[in-house]
Amino acid sequence: MYIAIMGYGTVGSGVAEVIMNNQANIAKTAGQESIDIKYILDLRDFPGDVNEKLMIKDFSKILEDDDIKVVVETMGGLHPAFEFVSSCLQKGKSVVTSNKELVAAKGDILIKLAEENNVNFLFEASV
């Protein structure tokens, strides 16, 4: 299974590190053969970073890639996080977020979108 991470600050880079270091255990727990990060979305450049080859700046690559089943949102703030997360949910991608502001302001809308599209919107780390 492929995932994407949106945001590569402290939380996003930590998520990437945990996934990379524990891929086999995470995949087994999730009932998947494998879990791989396909894209990391960030506007900044990270020359020499271990994940440099995964970096993209164009959100539409995540949205239009049917291989991406789960998106981890660690961008923070309300915009463009809300637009990106709601688009992912509408496209049938589950989303996990640590974004307190997003959940507080738009959580009810995003939960409803997830239900309507038979995907998950998970946010425990943000509460």
N, C-alpha and C. Protein backbone atom coordinates (compact mmCIF):
# COMPACT_ATOMS: atom_id res chain seq x y z
N MET A 1 0.85 -1.17 0.00
CA MET A 1 0.00 0.00 0.00
C MET A 1 0.90 1.24 0.00
N TYR A 2 0.50 2.22 -0.78
CA TYR A 2 1.24 3.47 -0.84
C TYR A 2 0.53 4.56 -0.05
N ILE A 3 1.34 5.38 0.62
CA ILE A 3 0.81 6.52 1.34
C ILE A 3 1.54 7.78 0.89
N ALA A 4 0.95 8.92 1.23
CA ALA A 4 1.58 10.22 0.97
C ALA A 4 1.56 11.01 2.27
N ILE A 5 2.57 11.84 2.45
CA ILE A 5 2.65 12.73 3.60
C ILE A 5 2.59 14.16 3.07
N MET A 6 1.71 14.96 3.65
CA MET A 6 1.62 16.37 3.27
C MET A 6 2.18 17.20 4.41
N GLY A 7 3.34 17.79 4.18
CA GLY A 7 4.03 18.56 5.19
C GLY A 7 5.24 17.79 5.70
N TYR A 8 6.40 18.45 5.72
CA TYR A 8 7.64 17.76 6.11
C TYR A 8 8.40 18.56 7.16
N GLY A 9 7.63 19.11 8.10
CA GLY A 9 8.25 19.79 9.23
C GLY A 9 8.61 18.76 10.30
N THR A 10 8.54 19.16 11.53
CA THR A 10 8.89 18.28 12.64
C THR A 10 8.01 17.03 12.66
N VAL A 11 6.70 17.20 12.56
CA VAL A 11 5.79 16.06 12.62
C VAL A 11 5.88 15.21 11.37
N GLY A 12 5.82 15.83 10.21
CA GLY A 12 5.87 15.08 8.95
C GLY A 12 7.15 14.28 8.77
N SER A 13 8.28 14.90 9.09
CA SER A 13 9.54 14.17 8.96
C SER A 13 9.62 13.06 10.00
N GLY A 14 9.03 13.28 11.17
CA GLY A 14 8.98 12.22 12.18
C GLY A 14 8.12 11.06 11.75
N VAL A 15 6.99 11.34 11.11
CA VAL A 15 6.13 10.29 10.58
C VAL A 15 6.89 9.47 9.53
N ALA A 16 7.57 10.18 8.64
CA ALA A 16 8.35 9.49 7.60
C ALA A 16 9.41 8.59 8.23
N GLU A 17 10.09 9.08 9.23
CA GLU A 17 11.14 8.30 9.89
C GLU A 17 10.57 7.05 10.57
N VAL A 18 9.45 7.21 11.26
CA VAL A 18 8.83 6.06 11.93
C VAL A 18 8.39 5.02 10.90
N ILE A 19 7.80 5.46 9.82
CA ILE A 19 7.36 4.52 8.79
C ILE A 19 8.55 3.81 8.17
N MET A 20 9.59 4.55 7.82
CA MET A 20 10.77 3.95 7.19
C MET A 20 11.44 2.94 8.12
N ASN A 21 11.52 3.26 9.41
CA ASN A 21 12.21 2.39 10.37
C ASN A 21 11.38 1.20 10.84
N ASN A 22 10.08 1.26 10.61
CA ASN A 22 9.20 0.20 11.13
C ASN A 22 8.24 -0.34 10.07
N GLN A 23 8.63 -0.27 8.81
CA GLN A 23 7.74 -0.65 7.72
C GLN A 23 7.12 -2.03 7.90
N ALA A 24 7.91 -3.02 8.19
CA ALA A 24 7.41 -4.40 8.27
C ALA A 24 6.36 -4.54 9.37
N ASN A 25 6.64 -3.99 10.55
CA ASN A 25 5.69 -4.10 11.66
C ASN A 25 4.41 -3.33 11.39
N ILE A 26 4.53 -2.14 10.81
CA ILE A 26 3.34 -1.34 10.49
C ILE A 26 2.48 -2.06 9.45
N ALA A 27 3.12 -2.59 8.43
CA ALA A 27 2.38 -3.32 7.39
C ALA A 27 1.67 -4.52 7.98
N LYS A 28 2.35 -5.27 8.81
CA LYS A 28 1.75 -6.46 9.42
C LYS A 28 0.54 -6.08 10.27
N THR A 29 0.69 -5.04 11.08
CA THR A 29 -0.40 -4.58 11.93
C THR A 29 -1.59 -4.10 11.09
N ALA A 30 -1.30 -3.48 9.96
CA ALA A 30 -2.36 -2.96 9.08
C ALA A 30 -2.93 -4.04 8.16
N GLY A 31 -2.36 -5.24 8.22
CA GLY A 31 -2.84 -6.31 7.35
C GLY A 31 -2.45 -6.10 5.90
N GLN A 32 -1.34 -5.43 5.68
CA GLN A 32 -0.87 -5.14 4.32
C GLN A 32 0.43 -5.89 4.05
N GLU A 33 0.68 -6.15 2.79
CA GLU A 33 1.94 -6.78 2.41
C GLU A 33 3.11 -5.83 2.64
N SER A 34 2.88 -4.55 2.31
CA SER A 34 3.89 -3.53 2.53
C SER A 34 3.22 -2.16 2.66
N ILE A 35 3.95 -1.24 3.27
CA ILE A 35 3.51 0.15 3.37
C ILE A 35 4.69 0.99 2.93
N ASP A 36 4.49 1.77 1.89
CA ASP A 36 5.57 2.58 1.34
C ASP A 36 5.12 4.02 1.15
N ILE A 37 6.00 4.94 1.45
CA ILE A 37 5.75 6.35 1.19
C ILE A 37 6.07 6.60 -0.28
N LYS A 38 5.08 7.09 -1.02
CA LYS A 38 5.29 7.37 -2.43
C LYS A 38 5.62 8.84 -2.67
N TYR A 39 4.97 9.73 -1.90
CA TYR A 39 5.18 11.16 -2.07
C TYR A 39 5.25 11.85 -0.71
N ILE A 40 6.03 12.92 -0.67
CA ILE A 40 6.02 13.85 0.45
C ILE A 40 5.84 15.24 -0.15
N LEU A 41 4.73 15.87 0.19
CA LEU A 41 4.40 17.19 -0.35
C LEU A 41 4.91 18.28 0.59
N ASP A 42 5.71 19.18 0.07
CA ASP A 42 6.15 20.34 0.82
C ASP A 42 6.62 21.39 -0.18
N LEU A 43 6.44 22.64 0.15
CA LEU A 43 6.86 23.72 -0.74
C LEU A 43 8.35 23.99 -0.65
N ARG A 44 8.96 23.55 0.44
CA ARG A 44 10.39 23.78 0.64
C ARG A 44 11.21 22.67 -0.03
N ASP A 45 12.48 22.97 -0.26
CA ASP A 45 13.42 21.98 -0.77
C ASP A 45 14.21 21.40 0.40
N PHE A 46 14.59 20.14 0.28
CA PHE A 46 15.36 19.46 1.31
C PHE A 46 16.55 18.75 0.67
N PRO A 47 17.49 19.53 0.14
CA PRO A 47 18.63 18.92 -0.55
C PRO A 47 19.42 18.02 0.40
N GLY A 48 19.72 16.82 -0.07
CA GLY A 48 20.50 15.88 0.71
C GLY A 48 19.70 15.08 1.72
N ASP A 49 18.42 15.38 1.88
CA ASP A 49 17.58 14.63 2.81
C ASP A 49 17.40 13.20 2.32
N VAL A 50 17.31 12.27 3.24
CA VAL A 50 17.15 10.86 2.89
C VAL A 50 15.88 10.63 2.04
N ASN A 51 14.89 11.49 2.18
CA ASN A 51 13.64 11.34 1.43
C ASN A 51 13.52 12.32 0.27
N GLU A 52 14.60 12.92 -0.14
CA GLU A 52 14.58 13.94 -1.19
C GLU A 52 13.91 13.44 -2.47
N LYS A 53 14.12 12.20 -2.82
CA LYS A 53 13.56 11.66 -4.07
C LYS A 53 12.03 11.52 -4.02
N LEU A 54 11.45 11.58 -2.84
CA LEU A 54 9.99 11.45 -2.69
C LEU A 54 9.28 12.80 -2.70
N MET A 55 10.04 13.89 -2.65
CA MET A 55 9.48 15.24 -2.50
C MET A 55 8.79 15.72 -3.77
N ILE A 56 7.60 16.28 -3.57
CA ILE A 56 6.85 16.91 -4.65
C ILE A 56 6.31 18.23 -4.14
N LYS A 57 5.92 19.09 -5.07
CA LYS A 57 5.31 20.38 -4.72
C LYS A 57 3.88 20.50 -5.27
N ASP A 58 3.46 19.52 -6.04
CA ASP A 58 2.18 19.56 -6.73
C ASP A 58 1.19 18.60 -6.08
N PHE A 59 0.22 19.15 -5.34
CA PHE A 59 -0.78 18.34 -4.64
C PHE A 59 -1.55 17.41 -5.57
N SER A 60 -1.77 17.84 -6.81
CA SER A 60 -2.58 17.04 -7.74
C SER A 60 -1.96 15.66 -7.99
N LYS A 61 -0.65 15.52 -7.84
CA LYS A 61 -0.02 14.20 -8.00
C LYS A 61 -0.55 13.21 -6.98
N ILE A 62 -0.74 13.68 -5.75
CA ILE A 62 -1.30 12.82 -4.70
C ILE A 62 -2.76 12.53 -5.01
N LEU A 63 -3.50 13.55 -5.33
CA LEU A 63 -4.94 13.42 -5.54
C LEU A 63 -5.26 12.49 -6.70
N GLU A 64 -4.51 12.57 -7.77
CA GLU A 64 -4.82 11.80 -8.98
C GLU A 64 -4.17 10.42 -9.02
N ASP A 65 -3.34 10.10 -8.06
CA ASP A 65 -2.65 8.80 -8.04
C ASP A 65 -3.52 7.79 -7.30
N ASP A 66 -4.11 6.87 -8.03
CA ASP A 66 -4.99 5.86 -7.43
C ASP A 66 -4.25 4.86 -6.55
N ASP A 67 -2.93 4.81 -6.65
CA ASP A 67 -2.14 3.94 -5.78
C ASP A 67 -2.10 4.45 -4.35
N ILE A 68 -2.29 5.75 -4.16
CA ILE A 68 -2.27 6.34 -2.82
C ILE A 68 -3.60 6.05 -2.14
N LYS A 69 -3.53 5.28 -1.05
CA LYS A 69 -4.74 4.91 -0.31
C LYS A 69 -4.91 5.71 0.97
N VAL A 70 -3.78 6.16 1.55
CA VAL A 70 -3.81 6.89 2.82
C VAL A 70 -2.93 8.13 2.68
N VAL A 71 -3.44 9.26 3.18
CA VAL A 71 -2.71 10.51 3.17
C VAL A 71 -2.56 10.97 4.62
N VAL A 72 -1.34 11.32 4.99
CA VAL A 72 -1.05 11.83 6.33
C VAL A 72 -0.85 13.34 6.20
N GLU A 73 -1.73 14.11 6.84
CA GLU A 73 -1.66 15.57 6.76
C GLU A 73 -0.98 16.10 8.01
N THR A 74 0.19 16.73 7.82
CA THR A 74 0.93 17.31 8.94
C THR A 74 1.32 18.76 8.63
N MET A 75 0.59 19.38 7.72
CA MET A 75 0.90 20.74 7.29
C MET A 75 0.58 21.77 8.37
N GLY A 76 -0.49 21.54 9.09
CA GLY A 76 -0.96 22.50 10.07
C GLY A 76 -1.77 23.60 9.42
N GLY A 77 -2.43 24.37 10.24
CA GLY A 77 -3.25 25.47 9.74
C GLY A 77 -4.53 25.00 9.07
N LEU A 78 -5.31 25.95 8.68
CA LEU A 78 -6.62 25.64 8.09
C LEU A 78 -6.58 25.59 6.56
N HIS A 79 -5.80 26.47 5.97
CA HIS A 79 -5.74 26.53 4.50
C HIS A 79 -4.28 26.44 4.06
N PRO A 80 -3.96 25.61 3.13
CA PRO A 80 -4.82 24.80 2.27
C PRO A 80 -5.15 23.41 2.82
N ALA A 81 -4.85 23.15 4.10
CA ALA A 81 -5.08 21.81 4.65
C ALA A 81 -6.52 21.34 4.45
N PHE A 82 -7.50 22.21 4.72
CA PHE A 82 -8.90 21.80 4.57
C PHE A 82 -9.21 21.41 3.13
N GLU A 83 -8.79 22.22 2.20
CA GLU A 83 -9.07 21.93 0.79
C GLU A 83 -8.39 20.63 0.36
N PHE A 84 -7.16 20.42 0.78
CA PHE A 84 -6.43 19.21 0.40
C PHE A 84 -7.06 17.97 1.03
N VAL A 85 -7.36 18.05 2.33
CA VAL A 85 -7.94 16.89 3.03
C VAL A 85 -9.32 16.57 2.48
N SER A 86 -10.16 17.57 2.30
CA SER A 86 -11.51 17.30 1.78
C SER A 86 -11.45 16.72 0.37
N SER A 87 -10.52 17.19 -0.45
CA SER A 87 -10.35 16.63 -1.80
C SER A 87 -9.92 15.17 -1.74
N CYS A 88 -9.01 14.86 -0.84
CA CYS A 88 -8.56 13.47 -0.69
C CYS A 88 -9.70 12.56 -0.27
N LEU A 89 -10.48 13.00 0.70
CA LEU A 89 -11.61 12.20 1.16
C LEU A 89 -12.62 11.97 0.04
N GLN A 90 -12.92 13.02 -0.72
CA GLN A 90 -13.86 12.90 -1.83
C GLN A 90 -13.33 11.98 -2.92
N LYS A 91 -12.03 11.86 -3.03
CA LYS A 91 -11.40 11.01 -4.04
C LYS A 91 -11.24 9.57 -3.54
N GLY A 92 -11.71 9.29 -2.31
CA GLY A 92 -11.67 7.93 -1.79
C GLY A 92 -10.37 7.56 -1.09
N LYS A 93 -9.67 8.56 -0.58
CA LYS A 93 -8.42 8.32 0.15
C LYS A 93 -8.67 8.58 1.63
N SER A 94 -8.25 7.66 2.48
CA SER A 94 -8.34 7.89 3.92
C SER A 94 -7.29 8.92 4.32
N VAL A 95 -7.60 9.67 5.38
CA VAL A 95 -6.69 10.73 5.84
C VAL A 95 -6.48 10.60 7.34
N VAL A 96 -5.22 10.78 7.74
CA VAL A 96 -4.85 10.87 9.15
C VAL A 96 -4.23 12.26 9.34
N THR A 97 -4.65 12.96 10.38
CA THR A 97 -4.12 14.31 10.60
C THR A 97 -3.73 14.52 12.05
N SER A 98 -2.77 15.39 12.26
CA SER A 98 -2.38 15.84 13.60
C SER A 98 -2.74 17.31 13.78
N ASN A 99 -3.55 17.83 12.88
CA ASN A 99 -3.83 19.26 12.79
C ASN A 99 -5.01 19.65 13.69
N LYS A 100 -4.70 20.21 14.84
CA LYS A 100 -5.73 20.60 15.81
C LYS A 100 -6.69 21.65 15.25
N GLU A 101 -6.14 22.64 14.59
CA GLU A 101 -6.99 23.71 14.05
C GLU A 101 -7.97 23.17 13.02
N LEU A 102 -7.50 22.29 12.16
CA LEU A 102 -8.35 21.70 11.13
C LEU A 102 -9.49 20.91 11.75
N VAL A 103 -9.17 20.07 12.73
CA VAL A 103 -10.19 19.24 13.37
C VAL A 103 -11.19 20.11 14.13
N ALA A 104 -10.71 21.11 14.83
CA ALA A 104 -11.61 21.97 15.60
C ALA A 104 -12.55 22.76 14.70
N ALA A 105 -12.04 23.29 13.60
CA ALA A 105 -12.84 24.16 12.74
C ALA A 105 -13.68 23.40 11.73
N LYS A 106 -13.17 22.29 11.21
CA LYS A 106 -13.83 21.63 10.09
C LYS A 106 -14.03 20.12 10.30
N GLY A 107 -13.78 19.64 11.50
CA GLY A 107 -13.86 18.21 11.76
C GLY A 107 -15.20 17.60 11.41
N ASP A 108 -16.29 18.27 11.73
CA ASP A 108 -17.62 17.73 11.43
C ASP A 108 -17.83 17.55 9.93
N ILE A 109 -17.36 18.49 9.16
CA ILE A 109 -17.50 18.40 7.70
C ILE A 109 -16.65 17.25 7.16
N LEU A 110 -15.43 17.13 7.67
CA LEU A 110 -14.52 16.09 7.18
C LEU A 110 -14.97 14.70 7.59
N ILE A 111 -15.52 14.55 8.78
CA ILE A 111 -16.06 13.25 9.21
C ILE A 111 -17.21 12.85 8.29
N LYS A 112 -18.07 13.79 7.98
CA LYS A 112 -19.20 13.50 7.08
C LYS A 112 -18.70 13.12 5.68
N LEU A 113 -17.71 13.84 5.16
CA LEU A 113 -17.14 13.50 3.86
C LEU A 113 -16.54 12.09 3.85
N ALA A 114 -15.86 11.75 4.93
CA ALA A 114 -15.28 10.41 5.04
C ALA A 114 -16.37 9.35 5.02
N GLU A 115 -17.42 9.56 5.78
CA GLU A 115 -18.54 8.61 5.81
C GLU A 115 -19.17 8.47 4.44
N GLU A 116 -19.40 9.59 3.77
CA GLU A 116 -20.04 9.57 2.45
C GLU A 116 -19.19 8.84 1.40
N ASN A 117 -17.88 8.83 1.60
CA ASN A 117 -16.98 8.23 0.61
C ASN A 117 -16.37 6.92 1.09
N ASN A 118 -16.91 6.39 2.21
CA ASN A 118 -16.50 5.09 2.74
C ASN A 118 -14.99 4.99 2.99
N VAL A 119 -14.42 6.06 3.56
CA VAL A 119 -13.01 6.09 3.93
C VAL A 119 -12.90 6.57 5.38
N ASN A 120 -11.70 6.60 5.89
CA ASN A 120 -11.47 7.02 7.27
C ASN A 120 -10.89 8.42 7.35
N PHE A 121 -11.32 9.15 8.37
CA PHE A 121 -10.71 10.42 8.73
C PHE A 121 -10.31 10.27 10.19
N LEU A 122 -9.01 10.11 10.43
CA LEU A 122 -8.50 9.82 11.77
C LEU A 122 -7.71 11.02 12.28
N PHE A 123 -7.89 11.34 13.58
CA PHE A 123 -7.29 12.54 14.12
C PHE A 123 -6.95 12.46 15.59
N GLU A 124 -6.77 11.31 16.13
CA GLU A 124 -6.53 11.16 17.56
C GLU A 124 -5.34 11.98 18.06
N ALA A 125 -4.27 12.04 17.28
CA ALA A 125 -3.07 12.77 17.70
C ALA A 125 -3.32 14.27 17.80
N SER A 126 -4.40 14.76 17.23
CA SER A 126 -4.65 16.20 17.23
C SER A 126 -5.51 16.66 18.41
N VAL A 127 -6.05 15.73 19.18
CA VAL A 127 -6.95 16.14 20.25
C VAL A 127 -6.28 16.17 21.60
